[in-house]
Amino acid sequence: MKLEIISNEKESLEFIIEGERHTLPNLLKEKLAEKADADFVAYRLDHPLDTKARFILKAKNPKKLLESTIKEIQTELTDFQKAFEKAK
């Protein structure tokens, strides 16, 4: 997976996640959309077989919002992994 920042402005962040189609991008989009600080979030694939998800995030501080959301997802996945291990 590769991350490329296209545009990093005060209230807008545009980036590409390369090597992903819908699994991670959709999770990230949904989590960002839940945040009150997010004014707009979307991603697209230019082609159905494309593996470059292009994101647009608009917020008062989009980079900080992205970082906190990624940490939240990591925590949720760790909790899920622990619950799965316990359920075995």
Foldseek 3Di string as FASTA:
>chain_A
DDKAWPDDDQFKTKIKDAQADCDVVVLLQVLLVPDPQWPDKDWDAPDNPGRIIIMMTGGNHRVVSSVVSVVVVVVVVVVVVVVVVVVD
